[in-house]
């Protein structure tokens, strides 16, 4: 029984780490998308000024 609870706690701990990693990945992806969008807008503005 104790081993079972230990396994459950380890599983929950791993799940927690995976969820945090995914959230960080999504956050980084959003930042990257925003940076690319800003870059495209800047290039567009420069193109219009020509």
C-alpha atoms as a PDB file:
ATOM      1  CA  UNK A   1       0.000   0.000   0.000  1.00  0.00           C
ATOM      2  CA  UNK A   2       2.802   2.423   0.912  1.00  0.00           C
ATOM      3  CA  UNK A   3       4.573   1.645  -2.364  1.00  0.00           C
ATOM      4  CA  UNK A   4       1.365   2.445  -4.226  1.00  0.00           C
ATOM      5  CA  UNK A   5       1.079   5.860  -2.558  1.00  0.00           C
ATOM      6  CA  UNK A   6       4.748   6.498  -3.249  1.00  0.00           C
ATOM      7  CA  UNK A   7       4.217   5.707  -6.928  1.00  0.00           C
ATOM      8  CA  UNK A   8       1.199   8.027  -7.038  1.00  0.00           C
ATOM      9  CA  UNK A   9       3.167  10.882  -5.472  1.00  0.00           C
ATOM     10  CA  UNK A  10       6.048  10.365  -7.930  1.00  0.00           C
ATOM     11  CA  UNK A  11       3.561  10.299 -10.821  1.00  0.00           C
ATOM     12  CA  UNK A  12       1.920  13.544  -9.630  1.00  0.00           C
ATOM     13  CA  UNK A  13       5.345  15.146  -9.222  1.00  0.00           C
ATOM     14  CA  UNK A  14       6.350  14.176 -12.758  1.00  0.00           C
ATOM     15  CA  UNK A  15       3.022  15.379 -14.121  1.00  0.00           C
ATOM     16  CA  UNK A  16       3.542  18.701 -12.352  1.00  0.00           C
ATOM     17  CA  UNK A  17       6.995  19.077 -13.944  1.00  0.00           C
ATOM     18  CA  UNK A  18       5.601  18.232 -17.393  1.00  0.00           C
ATOM     19  CA  UNK A  19       2.761  20.743 -17.027  1.00  0.00           C
ATOM     20  CA  UNK A  20       5.181  23.479 -15.922  1.00  0.00           C
ATOM     21  CA  UNK A  21       7.518  22.683 -18.824  1.00  0.00           C
ATOM     22  CA  UNK A  22       4.606  22.829 -21.288  1.00  0.00           C
ATOM     23  CA  UNK A  23       3.417  26.156 -19.865  1.00  0.00           C
ATOM     24  CA  UNK A  24       6.940  27.566 -20.194  1.00  0.00           C
ATOM     25  CA  UNK A  25       7.162  26.262 -23.769  1.00  0.00           C
ATOM     26  CA  UNK A  26       3.823  27.846 -24.689  1.00  0.00           C
ATOM     27  CA  UNK A  27       4.912  31.128 -23.070  1.00  0.00           C
ATOM     28  CA  UNK A  28       8.206  31.094 -25.000  1.00  0.00           C
ATOM     29  CA  UNK A  29       6.360  30.303 -28.229  1.00  0.00           C
ATOM     30  CA  UNK A  30       4.000  33.243 -27.661  1.00  0.00           C
ATOM     31  CA  UNK A  31       6.965  35.562 -27.022  1.00  0.00           C
ATOM     32  CA  UNK A  32       8.644  34.300 -30.180  1.00  0.00           C
ATOM     33  CA  UNK A  33       5.448  34.844 -32.203  1.00  0.00           C
ATOM     34  CA  UNK A  34       5.137  38.399 -30.861  1.00  0.00           C
ATOM     35  CA  UNK A  35       8.776  39.130 -31.674  1.00  0.00           C
ATOM     36  CA  UNK A  36       8.338  37.836 -35.241  1.00  0.00           C
ATOM     37  CA  UNK A  37       5.150  39.890 -35.623  1.00  0.00           C
ATOM     38  CA  UNK A  38       6.971  43.051 -34.448  1.00  0.00           C
ATOM     39  CA  UNK A  39       9.821  42.309 -36.823  1.00  0.00           C
ATOM     40  CA  UNK A  40       7.413  41.931 -39.761  1.00  0.00           C
ATOM     41  CA  UNK A  41       5.622  45.172 -38.825  1.00  0.00           C
ATOM     42  CA  UNK A  42       8.956  47.002 -38.623  1.00  0.00           C
ATOM     43  CA  UNK A  43      10.023  45.672 -42.023  1.00  0.00           C
ATOM     44  CA  UNK A  44       6.620  46.642 -43.430  1.00  0.00           C
ATOM     45  CA  UNK A  45       7.011  50.208 -42.100  1.00  0.00           C
ATOM     46  CA  UNK A  46      10.514  50.440 -43.559  1.00  0.00           C
ATOM     47  CA  UNK A  47       9.220  49.138 -46.886  1.00  0.00           C
ATOM     48  CA  UNK A  48       6.459  51.795 -46.936  1.00  0.00           C
ATOM     49  CA  UNK A  49       8.986  54.591 -46.269  1.00  0.00           C
ATOM     50  CA  UNK A  50      10.976  53.708 -49.395  1.00  0.00           C
END
